[in-house]
Amino acid sequence: MREISVERITEAIREMCMEANYTLSPDMQEALNRAQCTEESPLGEEILSMLAQNLKVAKEEKIPICQDTGMAVVFLEIGQDVHLSGGSLTEAVNRGVALGYKEGYLRKSVVKDPLIRENTNDNTPAVIHTEIVDGEHVKITLAPKGFGSENMSKVYMLKPADGREGVKERIVTAVKEAGPNACPPLVVGVGIGGTFEKCALLAKKALLRETGEPHPDAHIAALEQEIMKECNELGIGPAGLGGSSTVLAVHIETFATHIAGLPVAVNICCHVNRHCSREL
């Protein structure tokens, strides 16, 4: 049994909040570079160039890539041979978020009650997903999620008869309806299967995959490419001002489901698909 103090989790998350908001991951940076090279619209290419300059300034000056520094979504993979000591795991995570957002001068965007709307003033509580895995390590993944794109996300409870084409049609429609509101070019996370809540979690986790990395199952990888092609043919383009780079990647995750159901969730993310990981 390996012992890990929750203070280490607090410190890691404190640092990760600033890292994720100041610096885009290398895979996302490369995806934007590819889009800039292939964009067919002169205006679209100019916008992508401006986005690249924004990323450069944010990294050099250690300022947020986007003014919406998101709601902190934290994924914890906890080895079953780990003993967490020193206090509450949930409190440790939220303490790390609060410290990171305060010290990093990151916008606090969380309200305590969804109807009363009073700001918590430290960007907590975080949304925390825990999973028990083999081993004696703790893997932390932080994904600050802005709501310009989050608000454009969808869950569809389809019938099995809707099949592959029905799934594809819903995903492309979600991107079309999002239009410029989600700050394209986009990364589209999709969850297929499970239950109402499971498909949404799958879609969120799909955004964490290395951008453009295909699904290991050939038929799902083919579906990802078909959807991406159709989305880019919509012509929405960078910032919604037209072009061929509406979507940078489509990532699909799947899970077993009931014989009577075909749940599909579409979690849309803007070009600032922020995430970083650490292992303790």
C-alpha atoms as a PDB file:
ATOM      1  CA  MET A   1       0.000   0.000   0.000  1.00  0.00           C
ATOM      2  CA  ARG A   2       1.433   3.379  -1.059  1.00  0.00           C
ATOM      3  CA  GLU A   3       0.513   6.479   0.919  1.00  0.00           C
ATOM      4  CA  ILE A   4      -0.038   9.823  -0.838  1.00  0.00           C
ATOM      5  CA  SER A   5      -0.884  12.982   1.061  1.00  0.00           C
ATOM      6  CA  VAL A   6      -3.828  14.939  -0.321  1.00  0.00           C
ATOM      7  CA  GLU A   7      -1.636  18.028   0.042  1.00  0.00           C
ATOM      8  CA  ARG A   8       0.262  16.815  -3.032  1.00  0.00           C
ATOM      9  CA  ILE A   9      -3.001  16.719  -4.948  1.00  0.00           C
ATOM     10  CA  THR A  10      -3.802  20.268  -3.836  1.00  0.00           C
ATOM     11  CA  GLU A  11      -0.402  21.519  -4.991  1.00  0.00           C
ATOM     12  CA  ALA A  12      -0.573  19.718  -8.322  1.00  0.00           C
ATOM     13  CA  ILE A  13      -4.025  21.107  -9.099  1.00  0.00           C
ATOM     14  CA  ARG A  14      -2.972  24.612  -8.050  1.00  0.00           C
ATOM     15  CA  GLU A  15      -0.193  24.534 -10.635  1.00  0.00           C
ATOM     16  CA  MET A  16      -2.303  22.793 -13.290  1.00  0.00           C
ATOM     17  CA  CYS A  17      -5.021  25.460 -13.148  1.00  0.00           C
ATOM     18  CA  MET A  18      -2.484  28.043 -14.299  1.00  0.00           C
ATOM     19  CA  GLU A  19      -0.727  25.728 -16.754  1.00  0.00           C
ATOM     20  CA  ALA A  20      -3.943  24.753 -18.537  1.00  0.00           C
ATOM     21  CA  ASN A  21      -5.169  28.339 -18.796  1.00  0.00           C
ATOM     22  CA  TYR A  22      -1.881  29.861 -19.953  1.00  0.00           C
ATOM     23  CA  THR A  23      -0.573  27.234 -22.378  1.00  0.00           C
ATOM     24  CA  LEU A  24      -2.388  25.130 -24.944  1.00  0.00           C
ATOM     25  CA  SER A  25      -1.318  21.481 -25.079  1.00  0.00           C
ATOM     26  CA  PRO A  26       1.128  20.581 -27.910  1.00  0.00           C
ATOM     27  CA  ASP A  27      -1.437  18.400 -29.719  1.00  0.00           C
ATOM     28  CA  MET A  28      -3.950  21.265 -29.868  1.00  0.00           C
ATOM     29  CA  GLN A  29      -1.256  23.673 -30.983  1.00  0.00           C
ATOM     30  CA  GLU A  30      -0.313  21.307 -33.818  1.00  0.00           C
ATOM     31  CA  ALA A  31      -3.966  20.912 -34.842  1.00  0.00           C
ATOM     32  CA  LEU A  32      -4.332  24.682 -35.150  1.00  0.00           C
ATOM     33  CA  ASN A  33      -1.100  24.876 -37.149  1.00  0.00           C
ATOM     34  CA  ARG A  34      -2.428  22.239 -39.564  1.00  0.00           C
ATOM     35  CA  ALA A  35      -5.679  24.132 -39.946  1.00  0.00           C
ATOM     36  CA  GLN A  36      -3.816  27.343 -40.728  1.00  0.00           C
ATOM     37  CA  CYS A  37      -1.897  25.559 -43.499  1.00  0.00           C
ATOM     38  CA  THR A  38      -5.003  24.027 -45.090  1.00  0.00           C
ATOM     39  CA  GLU A  39      -7.649  26.732 -44.541  1.00  0.00           C
ATOM     40  CA  GLU A  40      -9.183  27.687 -47.889  1.00  0.00           C
ATOM     41  CA  SER A  41     -10.620  31.051 -46.884  1.00  0.00           C
ATOM     42  CA  PRO A  42      -8.193  34.028 -46.742  1.00  0.00           C
ATOM     43  CA  LEU A  43     -10.237  35.521 -43.893  1.00  0.00           C
ATOM     44  CA  GLY A  44     -10.280  32.165 -42.111  1.00  0.00           C
ATOM     45  CA  GLU A  45      -6.509  31.871 -42.465  1.00  0.00           C
ATOM     46  CA  GLU A  46      -6.106  35.384 -41.065  1.00  0.00           C
ATOM     47  CA  ILE A  47      -8.261  34.534 -38.051  1.00  0.00           C
ATOM     48  CA  LEU A  48      -6.245  31.364 -37.398  1.00  0.00           C
ATOM     49  CA  SER A  49      -3.079  33.456 -37.574  1.00  0.00           C
ATOM     50  CA  MET A  50      -4.533  35.818 -34.968  1.00  0.00           C
ATOM     51  CA  LEU A  51      -5.399  32.864 -32.734  1.00  0.00           C
ATOM     52  CA  ALA A  52      -1.816  31.623 -33.034  1.00  0.00           C
ATOM     53  CA  GLN A  53      -0.522  35.052 -32.008  1.00  0.00           C
ATOM     54  CA  ASN A  54      -2.900  35.076 -29.037  1.00  0.00           C
ATOM     55  CA  LEU A  55      -1.532  31.698 -27.903  1.00  0.00           C
ATOM     56  CA  LYS A  56       2.039  32.985 -28.194  1.00  0.00           C
ATOM     57  CA  VAL A  57       1.327  36.070 -26.098  1.00  0.00           C
ATOM     58  CA  ALA A  58      -0.567  34.064 -23.457  1.00  0.00           C
ATOM     59  CA  LYS A  59       2.298  31.613 -23.059  1.00  0.00           C
ATOM     60  CA  GLU A  60       5.022  34.272 -22.939  1.00  0.00           C
ATOM     61  CA  GLU A  61       3.186  36.686 -20.647  1.00  0.00           C
ATOM     62  CA  LYS A  62       1.553  33.983 -18.494  1.00  0.00           C
ATOM     63  CA  ILE A  63      -1.935  35.323 -19.002  1.00  0.00           C
ATOM     64  CA  PRO A  64      -5.123  33.397 -19.862  1.00  0.00           C
ATOM     65  CA  ILE A  65      -5.582  32.206 -23.426  1.00  0.00           C
ATOM     66  CA  CYS A  66      -9.259  33.134 -23.081  1.00  0.00           C
ATOM     67  CA  GLN A  67     -11.104  35.440 -20.707  1.00  0.00           C
ATOM     68  CA  ASP A  68     -13.456  32.551 -19.875  1.00  0.00           C
ATOM     69  CA  THR A  69     -11.136  30.486 -17.712  1.00  0.00           C
ATOM     70  CA  GLY A  70     -13.823  27.881 -17.307  1.00  0.00           C
ATOM     71  CA  MET A  71     -15.300  25.682 -14.640  1.00  0.00           C
ATOM     72  CA  ALA A  72     -12.676  23.240 -13.386  1.00  0.00           C
ATOM     73  CA  VAL A  73     -13.415  19.642 -14.368  1.00  0.00           C
ATOM     74  CA  VAL A  74     -11.080  17.211 -12.577  1.00  0.00           C
ATOM     75  CA  PHE A  75     -10.617  13.542 -13.470  1.00  0.00           C
ATOM     76  CA  LEU A  76      -8.883  11.399 -10.838  1.00  0.00           C
ATOM     77  CA  GLU A  77      -7.679   7.881 -11.611  1.00  0.00           C
ATOM     78  CA  ILE A  78      -6.833   6.456  -8.187  1.00  0.00           C
ATOM     79  CA  GLY A  79      -4.837   3.264  -7.909  1.00  0.00           C
ATOM     80  CA  GLN A  80      -6.491   0.688  -5.659  1.00  0.00           C
ATOM     81  CA  ASP A  81      -3.164   0.235  -3.830  1.00  0.00           C
ATOM     82  CA  VAL A  82      -3.048   3.910  -2.810  1.00  0.00           C
ATOM     83  CA  HIS A  83      -3.997   5.240   0.602  1.00  0.00           C
ATOM     84  CA  LEU A  84      -4.843   8.955   0.527  1.00  0.00           C
ATOM     85  CA  SER A  85      -3.916  10.610   3.799  1.00  0.00           C
ATOM     86  CA  GLY A  86      -4.149  14.015   5.408  1.00  0.00           C
ATOM     87  CA  GLY A  87      -7.800  14.909   4.937  1.00  0.00           C
ATOM     88  CA  SER A  88     -10.685  14.985   2.492  1.00  0.00           C
ATOM     89  CA  LEU A  89      -9.918  14.358  -1.201  1.00  0.00           C
ATOM     90  CA  THR A  90     -12.775  16.612  -2.325  1.00  0.00           C
ATOM     91  CA  GLU A  91     -11.611  19.436  -0.083  1.00  0.00           C
ATOM     92  CA  ALA A  92      -8.041  18.989  -1.333  1.00  0.00           C
ATOM     93  CA  VAL A  93      -9.145  19.286  -4.966  1.00  0.00           C
ATOM     94  CA  ASN A  94     -11.255  22.372  -4.308  1.00  0.00           C
ATOM     95  CA  ARG A  95      -8.469  23.971  -2.288  1.00  0.00           C
ATOM     96  CA  GLY A  96      -6.114  23.478  -5.240  1.00  0.00           C
ATOM     97  CA  VAL A  97      -8.602  25.056  -7.643  1.00  0.00           C
ATOM     98  CA  ALA A  98      -9.187  28.015  -5.338  1.00  0.00           C
ATOM     99  CA  LEU A  99      -5.447  28.639  -4.930  1.00  0.00           C
ATOM    100  CA  GLY A 100      -4.712  28.249  -8.635  1.00  0.00           C
ATOM    101  CA  TYR A 101      -7.433  30.637  -9.727  1.00  0.00           C
ATOM    102  CA  LYS A 102      -6.468  33.209  -7.102  1.00  0.00           C
ATOM    103  CA  GLU A 103      -2.714  33.112  -7.677  1.00  0.00           C
ATOM    104  CA  GLY A 104      -3.090  32.894 -11.450  1.00  0.00           C
ATOM    105  CA  TYR A 105      -5.467  35.876 -11.643  1.00  0.00           C
ATOM    106  CA  LEU A 106      -7.975  33.655 -13.422  1.00  0.00           C
ATOM    107  CA  ARG A 107     -11.603  34.694 -13.718  1.00  0.00           C
ATOM    108  CA  LYS A 108     -13.878  33.178 -11.089  1.00  0.00           C
ATOM    109  CA  SER A 109     -16.943  31.980 -12.969  1.00  0.00           C
ATOM    110  CA  VAL A 110     -18.774  29.628 -10.598  1.00  0.00           C
ATOM    111  CA  VAL A 111     -22.047  30.445  -8.831  1.00  0.00           C
ATOM    112  CA  LYS A 112     -23.075  28.477  -5.744  1.00  0.00           C
ATOM    113  CA  ASP A 113     -26.769  28.129  -6.536  1.00  0.00           C
ATOM    114  CA  PRO A 114     -27.795  27.826 -10.207  1.00  0.00           C
ATOM    115  CA  LEU A 115     -30.902  29.975  -9.633  1.00  0.00           C
ATOM    116  CA  ILE A 116     -29.793  32.522  -7.025  1.00  0.00           C
ATOM    117  CA  ARG A 117     -26.524  33.049  -8.979  1.00  0.00           C
ATOM    118  CA  GLU A 118     -24.204  34.250  -6.187  1.00  0.00           C
ATOM    119  CA  ASN A 119     -20.540  33.882  -7.176  1.00  0.00           C
ATOM    120  CA  THR A 120     -18.410  31.661  -4.907  1.00  0.00           C
ATOM    121  CA  ASN A 121     -15.449  33.977  -5.634  1.00  0.00           C
ATOM    122  CA  ASP A 122     -12.841  31.194  -5.887  1.00  0.00           C
ATOM    123  CA  ASN A 123     -14.114  29.122  -8.859  1.00  0.00           C
ATOM    124  CA  THR A 124     -15.099  26.217  -6.643  1.00  0.00           C
ATOM    125  CA  PRO A 125     -16.589  23.722  -6.379  1.00  0.00           C
ATOM    126  CA  ALA A 126     -14.899  21.779  -9.134  1.00  0.00           C
ATOM    127  CA  VAL A 127     -16.678  19.018 -11.014  1.00  0.00           C
ATOM    128  CA  ILE A 128     -14.834  15.884  -9.853  1.00  0.00           C
ATOM    129  CA  HIS A 129     -14.894  12.469 -11.503  1.00  0.00           C
ATOM    130  CA  THR A 130     -13.098   9.625  -9.704  1.00  0.00           C
ATOM    131  CA  GLU A 131     -12.222   6.186 -11.015  1.00  0.00           C
ATOM    132  CA  ILE A 132     -10.529   3.338  -9.160  1.00  0.00           C
ATOM    133  CA  VAL A 133      -7.865   1.688 -11.307  1.00  0.00           C
ATOM    134  CA  ASP A 134      -5.077  -0.852 -10.849  1.00  0.00           C
ATOM    135  CA  GLY A 135      -1.760   0.195  -9.357  1.00  0.00           C
ATOM    136  CA  GLU A 136      -0.332   2.577  -6.781  1.00  0.00           C
ATOM    137  CA  HIS A 137      -0.447   5.924  -8.568  1.00  0.00           C
ATOM    138  CA  VAL A 138      -2.892   8.799  -8.845  1.00  0.00           C
ATOM    139  CA  LYS A 139      -3.375  10.398 -12.255  1.00  0.00           C
ATOM    140  CA  ILE A 140      -4.910  13.878 -12.276  1.00  0.00           C
ATOM    141  CA  THR A 141      -6.365  15.433 -15.401  1.00  0.00           C
ATOM    142  CA  LEU A 142      -7.640  18.997 -15.253  1.00  0.00           C
ATOM    143  CA  ALA A 143      -9.893  20.386 -17.990  1.00  0.00           C
ATOM    144  CA  PRO A 144     -11.146  23.966 -17.470  1.00  0.00           C
ATOM    145  CA  LYS A 145     -14.353  24.139 -19.547  1.00  0.00           C
ATOM    146  CA  GLY A 146     -15.657  27.447 -20.842  1.00  0.00           C
ATOM    147  CA  PHE A 147     -19.394  27.795 -21.283  1.00  0.00           C
ATOM    148  CA  GLY A 148     -19.558  29.426 -24.698  1.00  0.00           C
ATOM    149  CA  SER A 149     -19.005  25.947 -26.090  1.00  0.00           C
ATOM    150  CA  GLU A 150     -20.461  23.977 -23.168  1.00  0.00           C
ATOM    151  CA  ASN A 151     -23.822  25.667 -23.733  1.00  0.00           C
ATOM    152  CA  MET A 152     -23.890  24.320 -27.297  1.00  0.00           C
ATOM    153  CA  SER A 153     -23.621  20.683 -26.187  1.00  0.00           C
ATOM    154  CA  LYS A 154     -26.434  18.147 -26.625  1.00  0.00           C
ATOM    155  CA  VAL A 155     -27.737  14.798 -25.366  1.00  0.00           C
ATOM    156  CA  TYR A 156     -29.948  12.698 -27.631  1.00  0.00           C
ATOM    157  CA  MET A 157     -31.794   9.577 -26.533  1.00  0.00           C
ATOM    158  CA  LEU A 158     -32.095   7.845 -29.911  1.00  0.00           C
ATOM    159  CA  LYS A 159     -33.813   4.605 -30.815  1.00  0.00           C
ATOM    160  CA  PRO A 160     -31.652   1.685 -31.974  1.00  0.00           C
ATOM    161  CA  ALA A 161     -33.384   1.924 -35.368  1.00  0.00           C
ATOM    162  CA  ASP A 162     -31.820   5.374 -35.862  1.00  0.00           C
ATOM    163  CA  GLY A 163     -28.523   3.549 -36.292  1.00  0.00           C
ATOM    164  CA  ARG A 164     -25.236   4.885 -37.591  1.00  0.00           C
ATOM    165  CA  GLU A 165     -26.761   7.481 -39.908  1.00  0.00           C
ATOM    166  CA  GLY A 166     -29.022   8.808 -37.176  1.00  0.00           C
ATOM    167  CA  VAL A 167     -26.039   9.233 -34.866  1.00  0.00           C
ATOM    168  CA  LYS A 168     -24.035  11.032 -37.547  1.00  0.00           C
ATOM    169  CA  GLU A 169     -26.934  13.321 -38.449  1.00  0.00           C
ATOM    170  CA  ARG A 170     -27.412  14.417 -34.815  1.00  0.00           C
ATOM    171  CA  ILE A 171     -23.730  15.211 -34.321  1.00  0.00           C
ATOM    172  CA  VAL A 172     -23.458  17.271 -37.502  1.00  0.00           C
ATOM    173  CA  THR A 173     -26.698  19.066 -36.601  1.00  0.00           C
ATOM    174  CA  ALA A 174     -25.290  19.942 -33.165  1.00  0.00           C
ATOM    175  CA  VAL A 175     -22.235  21.522 -34.794  1.00  0.00           C
ATOM    176  CA  LYS A 176     -24.401  23.360 -37.325  1.00  0.00           C
ATOM    177  CA  GLU A 177     -26.671  24.744 -34.598  1.00  0.00           C
ATOM    178  CA  ALA A 178     -23.655  25.829 -32.545  1.00  0.00           C
ATOM    179  CA  GLY A 179     -22.474  27.937 -35.476  1.00  0.00           C
ATOM    180  CA  PRO A 180     -20.205  30.784 -34.335  1.00  0.00           C
ATOM    181  CA  ASN A 181     -21.403  30.635 -30.716  1.00  0.00           C
ATOM    182  CA  ALA A 182     -18.923  27.949 -29.667  1.00  0.00           C
ATOM    183  CA  CYS A 183     -15.849  29.850 -31.005  1.00  0.00           C
ATOM    184  CA  PRO A 184     -14.775  27.567 -33.875  1.00  0.00           C
ATOM    185  CA  PRO A 185     -12.652  25.824 -34.964  1.00  0.00           C
ATOM    186  CA  LEU A 186     -13.983  23.159 -32.613  1.00  0.00           C
ATOM    187  CA  VAL A 187     -13.051  19.856 -31.059  1.00  0.00           C
ATOM    188  CA  VAL A 188     -16.152  17.674 -30.862  1.00  0.00           C
ATOM    189  CA  GLY A 189     -16.330  15.073 -28.093  1.00  0.00           C
ATOM    190  CA  VAL A 190     -18.958  12.373 -28.586  1.00  0.00           C
ATOM    191  CA  GLY A 191     -20.211   9.660 -26.262  1.00  0.00           C
ATOM    192  CA  ILE A 192     -22.270   6.785 -27.656  1.00  0.00           C
ATOM    193  CA  GLY A 193     -23.861   4.148 -25.442  1.00  0.00           C
ATOM    194  CA  GLY A 194     -24.310   3.588 -21.749  1.00  0.00           C
ATOM    195  CA  THR A 195     -27.149   5.511 -20.113  1.00  0.00           C
ATOM    196  CA  PHE A 196     -28.276   9.141 -20.050  1.00  0.00           C
ATOM    197  CA  GLU A 197     -25.453  10.249 -17.734  1.00  0.00           C
ATOM    198  CA  LYS A 198     -22.815   7.812 -18.986  1.00  0.00           C
ATOM    199  CA  CYS A 199     -22.869   9.042 -22.586  1.00  0.00           C
ATOM    200  CA  ALA A 200     -22.365  12.627 -21.379  1.00  0.00           C
ATOM    201  CA  LEU A 201     -19.333  11.603 -19.333  1.00  0.00           C
ATOM    202  CA  LEU A 202     -17.949   9.694 -22.321  1.00  0.00           C
ATOM    203  CA  ALA A 203     -18.300  12.813 -24.471  1.00  0.00           C
ATOM    204  CA  LYS A 204     -16.445  14.914 -21.903  1.00  0.00           C
ATOM    205  CA  LYS A 205     -13.636  12.355 -21.648  1.00  0.00           C
ATOM    206  CA  ALA A 206     -13.411  12.179 -25.447  1.00  0.00           C
ATOM    207  CA  LEU A 207     -12.157  15.771 -25.441  1.00  0.00           C
ATOM    208  CA  LEU A 208      -9.103  14.650 -23.446  1.00  0.00           C
ATOM    209  CA  ARG A 209      -7.798  12.374 -26.183  1.00  0.00           C
ATOM    210  CA  GLU A 210      -4.758  13.631 -28.094  1.00  0.00           C
ATOM    211  CA  THR A 211      -6.228  15.814 -30.803  1.00  0.00           C
ATOM    212  CA  GLY A 212      -6.776  13.915 -34.024  1.00  0.00           C
ATOM    213  CA  GLU A 213      -5.751  10.534 -32.601  1.00  0.00           C
ATOM    214  CA  PRO A 214      -8.174   8.027 -34.171  1.00  0.00           C
ATOM    215  CA  HIS A 215     -10.337   5.653 -32.176  1.00  0.00           C
ATOM    216  CA  PRO A 216      -8.746   2.185 -31.922  1.00  0.00           C
ATOM    217  CA  ASP A 217     -11.821   0.529 -33.482  1.00  0.00           C
ATOM    218  CA  ALA A 218     -11.714   0.974 -37.254  1.00  0.00           C
ATOM    219  CA  HIS A 219     -15.442   1.480 -37.705  1.00  0.00           C
ATOM    220  CA  ILE A 220     -15.547   4.225 -35.066  1.00  0.00           C
ATOM    221  CA  ALA A 221     -12.420   5.872 -36.512  1.00  0.00           C
ATOM    222  CA  ALA A 222     -14.116   5.896 -39.921  1.00  0.00           C
ATOM    223  CA  LEU A 223     -17.209   7.498 -38.399  1.00  0.00           C
ATOM    224  CA  GLU A 224     -15.053  10.193 -36.776  1.00  0.00           C
ATOM    225  CA  GLN A 225     -13.551  11.075 -40.159  1.00  0.00           C
ATOM    226  CA  GLU A 226     -16.926  11.126 -41.924  1.00  0.00           C
ATOM    227  CA  ILE A 227     -18.402  13.452 -39.323  1.00  0.00           C
ATOM    228  CA  MET A 228     -15.388  15.759 -39.404  1.00  0.00           C
ATOM    229  CA  LYS A 229     -15.608  15.984 -43.211  1.00  0.00           C
ATOM    230  CA  GLU A 230     -19.323  16.819 -43.123  1.00  0.00           C
ATOM    231  CA  CYS A 231     -18.842  19.396 -40.373  1.00  0.00           C
ATOM    232  CA  ASN A 232     -16.082  21.153 -42.297  1.00  0.00           C
ATOM    233  CA  GLU A 233     -18.288  21.213 -45.382  1.00  0.00           C
ATOM    234  CA  LEU A 234     -20.793  23.325 -43.406  1.00  0.00           C
ATOM    235  CA  GLY A 235     -18.554  26.315 -44.145  1.00  0.00           C
ATOM    236  CA  ILE A 236     -18.888  27.855 -40.678  1.00  0.00           C
ATOM    237  CA  GLY A 237     -15.119  28.353 -40.470  1.00  0.00           C
ATOM    238  CA  PRO A 238     -12.886  30.067 -37.911  1.00  0.00           C
ATOM    239  CA  ALA A 239     -14.845  32.431 -35.644  1.00  0.00           C
ATOM    240  CA  GLY A 240     -17.940  31.558 -37.678  1.00  0.00           C
ATOM    241  CA  LEU A 241     -16.889  33.887 -40.512  1.00  0.00           C
ATOM    242  CA  GLY A 242     -16.620  31.211 -43.176  1.00  0.00           C
ATOM    243  CA  GLY A 243     -14.012  28.708 -44.203  1.00  0.00           C
ATOM    244  CA  SER A 244     -13.061  25.047 -44.287  1.00  0.00           C
ATOM    245  CA  SER A 245     -11.779  24.739 -40.700  1.00  0.00           C
ATOM    246  CA  THR A 246     -14.949  24.440 -38.640  1.00  0.00           C
ATOM    247  CA  VAL A 247     -13.780  21.333 -36.757  1.00  0.00           C
ATOM    248  CA  LEU A 248     -10.223  20.355 -35.809  1.00  0.00           C
ATOM    249  CA  ALA A 249     -11.135  16.853 -34.599  1.00  0.00           C
ATOM    250  CA  VAL A 250     -14.029  14.569 -33.774  1.00  0.00           C
ATOM    251  CA  HIS A 251     -13.391  12.128 -30.930  1.00  0.00           C
ATOM    252  CA  ILE A 252     -15.896   9.384 -30.157  1.00  0.00           C
ATOM    253  CA  GLU A 253     -15.944   7.151 -27.071  1.00  0.00           C
ATOM    254  CA  THR A 254     -18.362   4.228 -26.769  1.00  0.00           C
ATOM    255  CA  PHE A 255     -19.806   1.982 -24.072  1.00  0.00           C
ATOM    256  CA  ALA A 256     -22.214  -0.940 -23.900  1.00  0.00           C
ATOM    257  CA  THR A 257     -25.872   0.014 -23.780  1.00  0.00           C
ATOM    258  CA  HIS A 258     -29.390  -1.376 -23.355  1.00  0.00           C
ATOM    259  CA  ILE A 259     -31.129  -3.282 -26.164  1.00  0.00           C
ATOM    260  CA  ALA A 260     -33.807  -0.571 -26.317  1.00  0.00           C
ATOM    261  CA  GLY A 261     -31.525   2.468 -26.386  1.00  0.00           C
ATOM    262  CA  LEU A 262     -28.927   4.449 -28.303  1.00  0.00           C
ATOM    263  CA  PRO A 263     -27.815   7.388 -26.129  1.00  0.00           C
ATOM    264  CA  VAL A 264     -25.625   9.990 -27.841  1.00  0.00           C
ATOM    265  CA  ALA A 265     -23.973  13.015 -26.233  1.00  0.00           C
ATOM    266  CA  VAL A 266     -22.130  15.775 -28.068  1.00  0.00           C
ATOM    267  CA  ASN A 267     -19.775  17.864 -25.928  1.00  0.00           C
ATOM    268  CA  ILE A 268     -18.542  20.741 -28.037  1.00  0.00           C
ATOM    269  CA  CYS A 269     -15.303  22.530 -27.205  1.00  0.00           C
ATOM    270  CA  CYS A 270     -13.866  25.676 -28.733  1.00  0.00           C
ATOM    271  CA  HIS A 271     -10.359  25.946 -30.210  1.00  0.00           C
ATOM    272  CA  VAL A 272      -9.096  26.397 -26.624  1.00  0.00           C
ATOM    273  CA  ASN A 273      -9.511  22.729 -25.704  1.00  0.00           C
ATOM    274  CA  ARG A 274      -7.615  23.050 -22.425  1.00  0.00           C
ATOM    275  CA  HIS A 275      -6.401  20.058 -20.472  1.00  0.00           C
ATOM    276  CA  CYS A 276      -3.277  18.821 -18.728  1.00  0.00           C
ATOM    277  CA  SER A 277      -2.360  15.703 -16.728  1.00  0.00           C
ATOM    278  CA  ARG A 278       0.025  14.692 -13.964  1.00  0.00           C
ATOM    279  CA  GLU A 279       0.757  11.433 -12.215  1.00  0.00           C
ATOM    280  CA  LEU A 280       1.690  11.194  -8.530  1.00  0.00           C
END
